[in-house]
Amino acid sequence: MSADSSVLSARDLRGSAPVLTSVTFEYAGASARLIEDSIRHSSLVWTRRGRGLVGFGAAATLHTRGEHRFIHARSWFKQLLEQAHITDPISRPGSGLIAFGSFAFSMTSAFDSRLVIPEVVVGQDDEKSWITLTGTAQQLRGATLQSALQKAQQAIADAAGPDNAPGDIELTSGQLTAGSYLQAVRKALDSFEDSGISKLVLARDILARSSSPIDLGRVVHELTARYSNCWTYLVDGLVGATPEMLVRVTNGLAEARVLAGTLDRAMDGAQEAQFAKRNLFDDPKQRHEHQLAIDSLTESLNPISHGMQAPDQPFILELPNVWHLASDVRAELRADEHGVLPTALDIAEIFHPTAAVCGTPTKQAGVVLRELEGMDRGPYAGPVGWMDSRGDGEFGIALRGGILEDENLMRLYAGCGIVPGSVPEDELAESWAKMRPMRQALGAE
C-alpha cells in the first residue's frame, strides 16, 4: 500500500501533520468473523473476545522519544484532527479517524514511541461492525461501502505473511540473566529500609530465536485463542496479550483494571480447591502489593475525576497461566477550565508508570529499578492501544508480550513486584510464568 507518512522525532519536530480525509462505513455482513479474518502478519491489532480494531497501512506516522514523547504525540494528533475531514455516521468508540499507539516505558529509552494512523481499519463492537478508510481527499473521492470492502479485502490479502510452518525456537538470556535477576531482587530487598521504597517492580528479558521467520499473525491468533479474556495487541512488531487495562475512556467515563499479586497456576497443589484464595487473596504480602497499586492509581485519577468507584476488596482474575488479584476502578472525568475532558492519551500519560509496573513511590522506584535492572525496557510495560478523534480510546499496559527485533528474533519481557518478604527464587519462577503466553504463542512452551 502507498502511504502518506509524516515521521517526526523528539529531537527534530520539523514539518507538520498531513491533511487527511477519513470516511467510515457500517458493515453488516459476516460480522461474527470480521476481526478474526482480518488479523494478519502486517497489521495493527487491538482485540478482546472477538471484538476490537484491526488496522492496515499507514496514512500518517509519528515517531518520537524522550521526556516529552506524550506531549509530542498529543500535539501532533491534535493538529492532524484540526485539519482532517472526518465522515463518521455511526460515531462509536473506535470509529472514524483513529491512531494506534505504543510508548516507551522510560523517557531515556532508545525505543521510538509512535502513533500510526491506518489507511484501513476494520472495527467491531458488541453492536456494530465498520470499515474506516483514511487518506488524502483525492484518494477517497467517490468512496462507497463496496469500494471500502474491496480495499479492506485487498489490505487483508497484502498483509498475509508467508504460509510457513513455525520454526524451532531457541531461548537464551537477554540483557539480564537469571542469575543477575536473582541478584537484583536481593539488592532490592536490602534497599527497602533505607530508600523509603515499599515496592519495586523488577523486569527481565529473554531472547527467542526462530529457525524461520516469525509469523506475527500466527502469534496473535494463538494469543487470542488461549487468552481471549486479555487485550491482544500488535503495533509495529510489539505483540502480546495484556490482562491489565491502563485506561479506557468512553464518553467521559474512565475505567481501569489494576493487577498486582500473582500466583502461578503450574505450582504444586494448584488444583486444590481454594488454593488461589489461600495463597493469593488471603496472603498479606499479595494484598499489600495490590493495595499499593490501587492507591497509586486512585491518587493519580482523583484530581481529574469525580464519582470514583474503587472496590474495597479485589477479585481473583483467572488466566490460563496465572491468577492475579484484580480491581476495576471507574470514575467520571472532570472537564478543565475550558470545558474540555481529558482524552485517553492524556490519562495514559498521567497514569504511566503505575505502581504495578514500577513501584511505590513511583519516582524513587523508577530510579532504583533502572540501576538494578541495567536494561532498556523499550516498550515493555508502556502504554499500548488506540485513541479516536473524540478522545475515546483504550490503552493497556504492554505486558505478557515481546518485541520483534528482526524477522527471526523476538525479545520477551516479564516483571515481578518485589516487596519486603519476597523470595528471589519465587520471583524468578513467577517471571517465567508471565512469559508463558508468549512462549506458547511462539511454540516454545
Protein backbone atom coordinates (compact mmCIF):
# COMPACT_ATOMS: atom_id res chain seq x y z
CA MET A 1 0.00 0.00 0.00
CA SER A 2 1.16 3.53 -0.68
CA ALA A 3 1.35 5.60 2.49
CA ASP A 4 1.44 9.34 3.03
CA SER A 5 3.74 9.27 6.05
CA SER A 6 4.80 12.07 8.36
CA VAL A 7 7.64 10.92 10.61
CA LEU A 8 8.82 13.17 13.44
CA SER A 9 11.17 12.75 16.36
CA ALA A 10 11.58 14.44 19.71
CA ARG A 11 14.92 15.79 18.55
CA ASP A 12 13.62 17.28 15.31
CA LEU A 13 9.94 18.22 15.09
CA ARG A 14 10.16 19.55 11.56
CA GLY A 15 7.13 19.51 9.29
CA SER A 16 3.51 19.24 10.29
CA ALA A 17 0.75 16.68 10.41
CA PRO A 18 -0.70 15.84 6.99
CA VAL A 19 -4.20 16.85 5.90
CA LEU A 20 -6.28 13.68 5.90
CA THR A 21 -9.78 12.62 4.96
CA SER A 22 -11.46 9.77 6.84
CA VAL A 23 -14.70 8.01 5.91
CA THR A 24 -16.45 5.29 7.94
CA PHE A 25 -18.94 2.77 6.55
CA GLU A 26 -21.11 0.50 8.65
CA TYR A 27 -20.67 -3.12 7.58
CA ALA A 28 -23.41 -5.65 8.29
CA GLY A 29 -22.15 -8.79 6.54
CA ALA A 30 -20.44 -11.78 8.20
CA SER A 31 -19.65 -9.62 11.21
CA ALA A 32 -19.06 -12.57 13.53
CA ARG A 33 -15.70 -13.31 11.87
CA LEU A 34 -14.75 -9.81 10.75
CA ILE A 35 -11.99 -9.23 13.29
CA GLU A 36 -10.71 -12.81 13.28
CA ASP A 37 -10.42 -12.88 9.48
CA SER A 38 -8.63 -9.51 9.42
CA ILE A 39 -5.66 -10.37 11.64
CA ARG A 40 -2.54 -10.83 9.53
CA HIS A 41 1.22 -10.52 9.90
CA SER A 42 1.46 -6.89 8.78
CA SER A 43 -1.41 -5.32 10.70
CA LEU A 44 -2.24 -3.26 13.77
CA VAL A 45 -4.33 -5.13 16.30
CA TRP A 46 -6.32 -4.40 19.43
CA THR A 47 -8.87 -7.12 20.22
CA ARG A 48 -10.56 -8.93 23.11
CA ARG A 49 -13.20 -11.65 22.98
CA GLY A 50 -13.54 -11.30 19.22
CA ARG A 51 -14.19 -7.55 19.35
CA GLY A 52 -11.86 -4.67 18.61
CA LEU A 53 -9.89 -2.98 15.85
CA VAL A 54 -7.50 -4.15 13.13
CA GLY A 55 -5.65 -1.60 11.02
CA PHE A 56 -3.66 -1.82 7.78
CA GLY A 57 -1.17 0.52 6.17
CA ALA A 58 -0.16 3.96 7.42
CA ALA A 59 -1.80 7.17 6.25
CA ALA A 60 0.44 9.04 8.72
CA THR A 61 3.01 8.07 11.35
CA LEU A 62 4.67 9.87 14.25
CA HIS A 63 7.88 8.64 15.86
CA THR A 64 9.09 10.41 18.99
CA ARG A 65 11.16 9.71 22.06
CA GLY A 66 12.39 11.31 25.25
CA GLU A 67 10.78 13.08 28.18
CA HIS A 68 8.17 14.83 26.02
CA ARG A 69 7.07 11.85 23.94
CA PHE A 70 3.46 12.07 25.17
CA ILE A 71 3.33 15.83 24.61
CA HIS A 72 4.63 15.46 21.05
CA ALA A 73 2.13 12.70 20.33
CA ARG A 74 -0.77 14.71 21.72
CA SER A 75 0.19 17.87 19.84
CA TRP A 76 0.68 16.03 16.55
CA PHE A 77 -2.62 14.18 16.79
CA LYS A 78 -4.46 17.36 17.77
CA GLN A 79 -3.03 19.21 14.75
CA LEU A 80 -3.92 16.30 12.50
CA LEU A 81 -7.52 16.29 13.75
CA GLU A 82 -7.90 20.05 13.34
CA GLN A 83 -7.05 19.71 9.66
CA ALA A 84 -8.83 16.42 8.95
CA HIS A 85 -12.16 15.92 7.18
CA ILE A 86 -13.96 13.14 9.05
CA THR A 87 -17.20 11.48 7.96
CA ASP A 88 -18.39 9.09 10.67
CA PRO A 89 -22.14 8.37 10.63
CA ILE A 90 -22.01 5.74 13.38
CA SER A 91 -19.86 7.78 15.84
CA ARG A 92 -18.85 4.94 18.15
CA PRO A 93 -15.67 4.46 20.21
CA GLY A 94 -13.10 3.33 17.63
CA SER A 95 -14.97 4.54 14.54
CA GLY A 96 -13.82 7.47 12.45
CA LEU A 97 -10.18 8.53 12.32
CA ILE A 98 -8.11 6.63 14.90
CA ALA A 99 -4.48 6.23 15.90
CA PHE A 100 -2.81 3.10 17.22
CA GLY A 101 -0.05 3.90 19.70
CA SER A 102 2.86 2.38 21.57
CA PHE A 103 5.00 4.29 24.06
CA ALA A 104 8.36 3.52 25.61
CA PHE A 105 8.35 2.78 29.32
CA SER A 106 11.14 5.26 30.06
CA MET A 107 11.97 8.72 28.77
CA THR A 108 15.59 7.52 28.45
CA SER A 109 14.68 4.58 26.19
CA ALA A 110 16.22 4.23 22.74
CA PHE A 111 12.88 2.82 21.55
CA ASP A 112 10.77 5.20 19.44
CA SER A 113 7.28 5.81 20.78
CA ARG A 114 4.80 6.06 17.94
CA LEU A 115 1.33 6.85 16.67
CA VAL A 116 0.08 5.24 13.46
CA ILE A 117 -2.99 6.37 11.53
CA PRO A 118 -4.05 3.31 9.47
CA GLU A 119 -5.24 3.59 5.89
CA VAL A 120 -7.85 0.89 6.53
CA VAL A 121 -9.48 -0.05 9.84
CA VAL A 122 -11.84 -2.95 10.41
CA GLY A 123 -13.78 -2.40 13.63
CA GLN A 124 -16.32 -4.36 15.60
CA ASP A 125 -18.02 -3.98 18.98
CA ASP A 126 -20.99 -5.76 20.53
CA GLU A 127 -23.49 -3.99 18.27
CA LYS A 128 -21.90 -2.85 15.03
CA SER A 129 -19.13 -3.57 12.53
CA TRP A 130 -17.49 -0.97 10.34
CA ILE A 131 -14.70 -0.12 7.92
CA THR A 132 -12.85 3.20 8.02
CA LEU A 133 -10.72 4.46 5.15
CA THR A 134 -8.21 7.27 5.73
CA GLY A 135 -6.04 9.05 3.18
CA THR A 136 -5.97 12.16 1.05
CA ALA A 137 -9.16 13.71 -0.27
CA GLN A 138 -8.19 12.61 -3.77
CA GLN A 139 -7.61 9.00 -2.69
CA LEU A 140 -11.05 8.81 -1.04
CA ARG A 141 -13.08 10.71 -3.63
CA GLY A 142 -16.16 8.68 -4.51
CA ALA A 143 -15.56 6.03 -1.82
CA THR A 144 -18.51 3.70 -1.21
CA LEU A 145 -19.17 0.76 1.07
CA GLN A 146 -18.40 -1.57 -1.83
CA SER A 147 -15.06 0.11 -2.58
CA ALA A 148 -14.27 0.11 1.15
CA LEU A 149 -14.93 -3.64 1.31
CA GLN A 150 -12.72 -4.21 -1.71
CA LYS A 151 -9.94 -2.12 -0.22
CA ALA A 152 -10.21 -3.97 3.10
CA GLN A 153 -10.09 -7.34 1.36
CA GLN A 154 -7.03 -6.27 -0.60
CA ALA A 155 -5.36 -4.97 2.57
CA ILE A 156 -6.00 -8.29 4.31
CA ALA A 157 -4.53 -10.22 1.39
CA ASP A 158 -1.47 -7.94 1.17
CA ALA A 159 -0.79 -8.27 4.90
CA ALA A 160 -0.76 -12.07 4.97
CA GLY A 161 2.58 -13.49 5.97
CA PRO A 162 4.26 -16.49 4.35
CA ASP A 163 2.41 -19.74 4.94
CA ASN A 164 5.36 -21.48 6.58
CA ALA A 165 5.39 -23.95 9.42
CA PRO A 166 6.52 -22.42 12.74
CA GLY A 167 10.28 -22.59 13.23
CA ASP A 168 12.14 -24.20 16.10
CA ILE A 169 12.61 -21.73 18.96
CA GLU A 170 15.81 -21.37 20.98
CA LEU A 171 15.52 -19.40 24.24
CA THR A 172 18.61 -17.59 25.56
CA SER A 173 19.39 -14.93 28.14
CA GLY A 174 18.68 -11.32 27.28
CA GLN A 175 20.09 -8.18 28.84
CA LEU A 176 19.57 -9.63 32.33
CA THR A 177 20.44 -13.28 33.02
CA ALA A 178 18.52 -15.39 35.52
CA GLY A 179 21.42 -15.15 37.94
CA SER A 180 21.63 -11.39 37.53
CA TYR A 181 17.91 -11.15 38.16
CA LEU A 182 18.18 -13.07 41.43
CA GLN A 183 20.98 -10.73 42.48
CA ALA A 184 18.87 -7.68 41.56
CA VAL A 185 15.97 -8.96 43.67
CA ARG A 186 18.27 -9.47 46.65
CA LYS A 187 19.63 -5.94 46.27
CA ALA A 188 16.08 -4.60 46.08
CA LEU A 189 15.18 -6.36 49.33
CA ASP A 190 18.24 -4.88 51.01
CA SER A 191 17.38 -1.38 49.82
CA PHE A 192 13.84 -1.03 51.18
CA GLU A 193 14.68 0.12 54.68
CA ASP A 194 16.96 2.97 53.64
CA SER A 195 15.33 4.07 50.37
CA GLY A 196 11.79 4.77 51.53
CA ILE A 197 10.51 2.47 48.77
CA SER A 198 7.82 -0.03 49.75
CA LYS A 199 7.54 -1.85 46.41
CA LEU A 200 9.83 -2.27 43.41
CA VAL A 201 8.90 -3.99 40.15
CA LEU A 202 11.92 -5.67 38.58
CA ALA A 203 11.80 -6.92 35.00
CA ARG A 204 13.94 -9.30 33.00
CA ASP A 205 14.08 -10.35 29.35
CA ILE A 206 14.91 -13.41 27.28
CA LEU A 207 15.59 -13.85 23.58
CA ALA A 208 13.52 -16.19 21.41
CA ARG A 209 15.32 -17.02 18.16
CA SER A 210 13.39 -18.92 15.49
CA SER A 211 14.83 -21.13 12.75
CA SER A 212 12.37 -19.47 10.33
CA PRO A 213 10.74 -16.02 10.15
CA ILE A 214 8.30 -15.40 12.99
CA ASP A 215 4.72 -15.00 11.77
CA LEU A 216 3.15 -12.30 13.95
CA GLY A 217 -0.29 -13.16 12.61
CA ARG A 218 0.10 -16.70 13.94
CA VAL A 219 1.33 -15.32 17.29
CA VAL A 220 -1.74 -13.08 17.56
CA HIS A 221 -4.09 -15.97 16.68
CA GLU A 222 -2.51 -18.16 19.38
CA LEU A 223 -2.83 -15.39 21.97
CA THR A 224 -6.46 -14.64 21.12
CA ALA A 225 -7.33 -18.34 21.24
CA ARG A 226 -5.64 -19.02 24.58
CA TYR A 227 -6.05 -15.65 26.32
CA SER A 228 -9.36 -14.32 25.00
CA ASN A 229 -10.04 -12.52 28.29
CA CYS A 230 -6.93 -10.37 27.75
CA TRP A 231 -6.41 -7.47 25.35
CA THR A 232 -4.30 -8.74 22.45
CA TYR A 233 -2.19 -6.06 20.80
CA LEU A 234 0.12 -5.72 17.80
CA VAL A 235 1.76 -2.38 16.97
CA ASP A 236 4.85 -2.28 14.75
CA GLY A 237 6.29 -5.57 16.00
CA LEU A 238 5.22 -5.12 19.64
CA VAL A 239 2.89 -8.03 20.34
CA GLY A 240 1.27 -9.58 23.39
CA ALA A 241 -1.91 -10.23 25.40
CA THR A 242 -2.16 -7.93 28.39
CA PRO A 243 -4.54 -8.59 31.28
CA GLU A 244 -4.15 -5.03 32.55
CA MET A 245 -6.15 -2.07 31.23
CA LEU A 246 -4.29 1.17 31.96
CA VAL A 247 -7.32 3.25 30.97
CA ARG A 248 -10.44 3.01 28.84
CA VAL A 249 -12.26 6.28 28.10
CA THR A 250 -15.82 6.18 26.76
CA ASN A 251 -18.00 9.31 26.63
CA GLY A 252 -16.38 10.89 29.66
CA LEU A 253 -16.14 7.71 31.73
CA ALA A 254 -12.69 6.43 32.67
CA GLU A 255 -12.14 2.78 33.61
CA ALA A 256 -9.01 0.91 34.62
CA ARG A 257 -8.19 -2.66 35.62
CA VAL A 258 -5.42 -2.87 38.19
CA LEU A 259 -3.46 -6.09 38.68
CA ALA A 260 -0.94 -6.70 41.43
CA GLY A 261 -0.39 -10.00 43.19
CA THR A 262 0.32 -13.12 41.12
CA LEU A 263 0.17 -16.87 41.62
CA ASP A 264 1.44 -19.42 39.09
CA ARG A 265 -1.21 -21.95 38.14
CA ALA A 266 1.50 -24.54 37.46
CA MET A 267 2.57 -24.65 41.12
CA ASP A 268 2.35 -27.86 43.09
CA GLY A 269 -1.09 -28.14 44.64
CA ALA A 270 -2.66 -25.58 42.31
CA GLN A 271 -5.55 -27.95 41.52
CA GLU A 272 -6.68 -27.98 45.13
CA ALA A 273 -9.94 -26.23 45.99
CA GLN A 274 -9.42 -22.74 47.42
CA PHE A 275 -5.71 -22.82 46.50
CA ALA A 276 -5.82 -19.35 44.93
CA LYS A 277 -7.85 -17.91 47.78
CA ARG A 278 -5.47 -19.22 50.44
CA ASN A 279 -2.24 -18.37 48.66
CA LEU A 280 -3.27 -15.15 46.91
CA PHE A 281 -6.40 -13.49 48.27
CA ASP A 282 -5.61 -14.32 51.92
CA ASP A 283 -1.86 -13.68 51.63
CA PRO A 284 -0.90 -10.42 53.45
CA LYS A 285 2.09 -9.84 51.14
CA GLN A 286 -0.03 -10.18 48.00
CA ARG A 287 -2.80 -7.99 49.40
CA HIS A 288 -0.31 -5.33 50.45
CA GLU A 289 1.24 -5.28 46.99
CA HIS A 290 -2.21 -4.95 45.42
CA GLN A 291 -3.26 -2.13 47.72
CA LEU A 292 -0.16 -0.13 46.81
CA ALA A 293 -1.13 -0.35 43.15
CA ILE A 294 -4.74 0.71 43.85
CA ASP A 295 -3.63 3.66 45.98
CA SER A 296 -1.23 4.81 43.26
CA LEU A 297 -3.91 4.78 40.56
CA THR A 298 -6.66 6.44 42.58
CA GLU A 299 -4.25 9.16 43.69
CA SER A 300 -3.50 9.93 40.02
CA LEU A 301 -7.16 9.76 38.97
CA ASN A 302 -8.67 11.82 41.77
CA PRO A 303 -7.68 15.35 40.52
CA ILE A 304 -9.25 14.79 37.08
CA SER A 305 -12.42 12.94 38.08
CA HIS A 306 -15.40 12.69 40.40
CA GLY A 307 -17.70 9.91 41.49
CA MET A 308 -14.86 7.39 41.68
CA GLN A 309 -15.79 3.78 42.30
CA ALA A 310 -13.00 1.63 43.71
CA PRO A 311 -13.85 -1.72 45.34
CA ASP A 312 -12.99 -2.47 48.95
CA GLN A 313 -11.84 -5.96 48.01
CA PRO A 314 -10.06 -7.24 44.88
CA PHE A 315 -11.23 -10.24 42.93
CA ILE A 316 -9.20 -13.19 41.67
CA LEU A 317 -8.67 -13.00 37.90
CA GLU A 318 -8.14 -16.48 36.50
CA LEU A 319 -5.96 -16.71 33.39
CA PRO A 320 -4.62 -19.87 31.77
CA ASN A 321 -1.11 -19.29 33.15
CA VAL A 322 -1.60 -17.39 36.43
CA TRP A 323 -4.06 -15.99 38.93
CA HIS A 324 -4.00 -12.27 39.68
CA LEU A 325 -5.53 -10.06 42.31
CA ALA A 326 -7.51 -7.56 40.26
CA SER A 327 -9.63 -4.46 40.87
CA ASP A 328 -11.73 -2.47 38.42
CA VAL A 329 -11.85 1.29 39.04
CA ARG A 330 -14.31 3.70 37.40
CA ALA A 331 -14.75 7.47 37.52
CA GLU A 332 -16.48 10.31 35.68
CA LEU A 333 -13.88 12.60 34.14
CA ARG A 334 -13.74 16.25 35.15
CA ALA A 335 -13.50 18.91 32.42
CA ASP A 336 -10.81 21.60 32.56
CA GLU A 337 -11.46 25.37 32.75
CA HIS A 338 -12.25 25.37 29.03
CA GLY A 339 -14.81 22.59 29.35
CA VAL A 340 -12.53 20.03 27.69
CA LEU A 341 -12.44 16.48 29.04
CA PRO A 342 -9.15 14.57 29.25
CA THR A 343 -8.58 12.11 26.41
CA ALA A 344 -7.47 8.50 26.69
CA LEU A 345 -3.93 9.57 25.78
CA ASP A 346 -3.97 12.34 28.40
CA ILE A 347 -4.86 9.85 31.12
CA ALA A 348 -2.40 7.25 29.87
CA GLU A 349 0.36 9.80 30.39
CA ILE A 350 -0.95 10.73 33.85
CA PHE A 351 -1.18 7.10 34.97
CA HIS A 352 2.13 5.95 33.50
CA PRO A 353 4.06 4.40 35.11
CA THR A 354 1.74 2.75 37.60
CA ALA A 355 2.92 1.18 40.83
CA ALA A 356 2.02 -2.20 39.30
CA VAL A 357 4.87 -1.92 36.77
CA CYS A 358 7.29 0.44 38.52
CA GLY A 359 6.92 0.55 42.30
CA THR A 360 5.94 2.79 45.21
CA PRO A 361 6.63 5.71 45.32
CA THR A 362 6.94 5.61 41.54
CA LYS A 363 9.59 8.32 41.03
CA GLN A 364 12.01 6.87 43.55
CA ALA A 365 11.25 3.34 42.40
CA GLY A 366 11.94 4.29 38.77
CA VAL A 367 15.43 5.48 39.61
CA VAL A 368 16.29 2.36 41.60
CA LEU A 369 14.86 -0.14 39.11
CA ARG A 370 16.93 1.38 36.28
CA GLU A 371 20.05 0.83 38.40
CA LEU A 372 19.14 -2.74 39.39
CA GLU A 373 17.79 -3.92 36.02
CA GLY A 374 20.54 -2.31 33.97
CA MET A 375 18.50 -2.70 30.79
CA ASP A 376 16.33 -0.71 28.40
CA ARG A 377 12.73 -1.91 28.80
CA GLY A 378 11.81 -0.41 25.44
CA PRO A 379 8.01 -0.58 25.05
CA TYR A 380 7.63 -3.24 27.75
CA ALA A 381 5.19 -2.01 30.44
CA GLY A 382 4.49 1.16 28.46
CA PRO A 383 1.04 2.21 27.22
CA VAL A 384 -0.21 0.45 24.08
CA GLY A 385 -3.60 0.82 22.42
CA TRP A 386 -5.62 3.34 20.40
CA MET A 387 -7.47 6.66 20.52
CA ASP A 388 -10.12 8.17 18.23
CA SER A 389 -10.95 11.74 17.24
CA ARG A 390 -13.41 12.14 20.16
CA GLY A 391 -10.74 11.31 22.73
CA ASP A 392 -12.24 7.90 23.46
CA GLY A 393 -9.79 5.04 23.47
CA GLU A 394 -8.18 2.14 25.25
CA PHE A 395 -4.60 1.90 26.43
CA GLY A 396 -3.38 -1.27 28.08
CA ILE A 397 -0.03 -1.86 29.72
CA ALA A 398 2.26 -3.73 27.33
CA LEU A 399 2.65 -6.89 29.41
CA ARG A 400 2.83 -10.60 28.53
CA GLY A 401 4.48 -9.71 25.27
CA GLY A 402 7.60 -9.16 23.25
CA ILE A 403 9.13 -7.01 20.53
CA LEU A 404 10.22 -8.39 17.15
CA GLU A 405 13.83 -7.26 16.69
CA ASP A 406 14.35 -8.96 13.33
CA GLU A 407 12.31 -11.47 11.37
CA ASN A 408 13.77 -14.40 13.33
CA LEU A 409 14.30 -12.80 16.75
CA MET A 410 11.88 -11.68 19.43
CA ARG A 411 12.70 -10.26 22.87
CA LEU A 412 10.27 -11.30 25.63
CA TYR A 413 9.80 -9.41 28.90
CA ALA A 414 8.29 -10.05 32.31
CA GLY A 415 8.41 -8.24 35.64
CA CYS A 416 7.54 -9.02 39.25
CA GLY A 417 6.58 -6.86 42.19
CA ILE A 418 9.17 -7.05 44.96
CA VAL A 419 8.07 -6.16 48.48
CA PRO A 420 9.58 -6.95 51.89
CA GLY A 421 9.31 -10.70 52.37
CA SER A 422 9.68 -11.57 48.68
CA VAL A 423 11.72 -14.69 47.92
CA PRO A 424 14.12 -14.18 44.96
CA GLU A 425 13.69 -17.71 43.61
CA ASP A 426 9.89 -17.37 43.74
CA GLU A 427 10.06 -14.11 41.81
CA LEU A 428 12.23 -15.70 39.12
CA ALA A 429 9.72 -18.55 38.79
CA GLU A 430 6.89 -16.00 38.55
CA SER A 431 8.68 -14.22 35.70
CA TRP A 432 8.79 -17.49 33.76
CA ALA A 433 5.05 -17.97 34.37
CA LYS A 434 4.38 -14.49 33.00
CA MET A 435 6.38 -15.29 29.86
CA ARG A 436 4.36 -18.46 29.30
CA PRO A 437 1.74 -16.85 26.99
CA MET A 438 4.39 -15.70 24.53
CA ARG A 439 6.37 -18.93 24.77
CA GLN A 440 3.15 -20.82 23.98
CA ALA A 441 2.31 -18.49 21.08
CA LEU A 442 5.80 -18.96 19.61
CA GLY A 443 5.69 -22.73 20.07
CA ALA A 444 8.46 -22.67 22.67
CA GLU A 445 6.42 -24.00 25.61
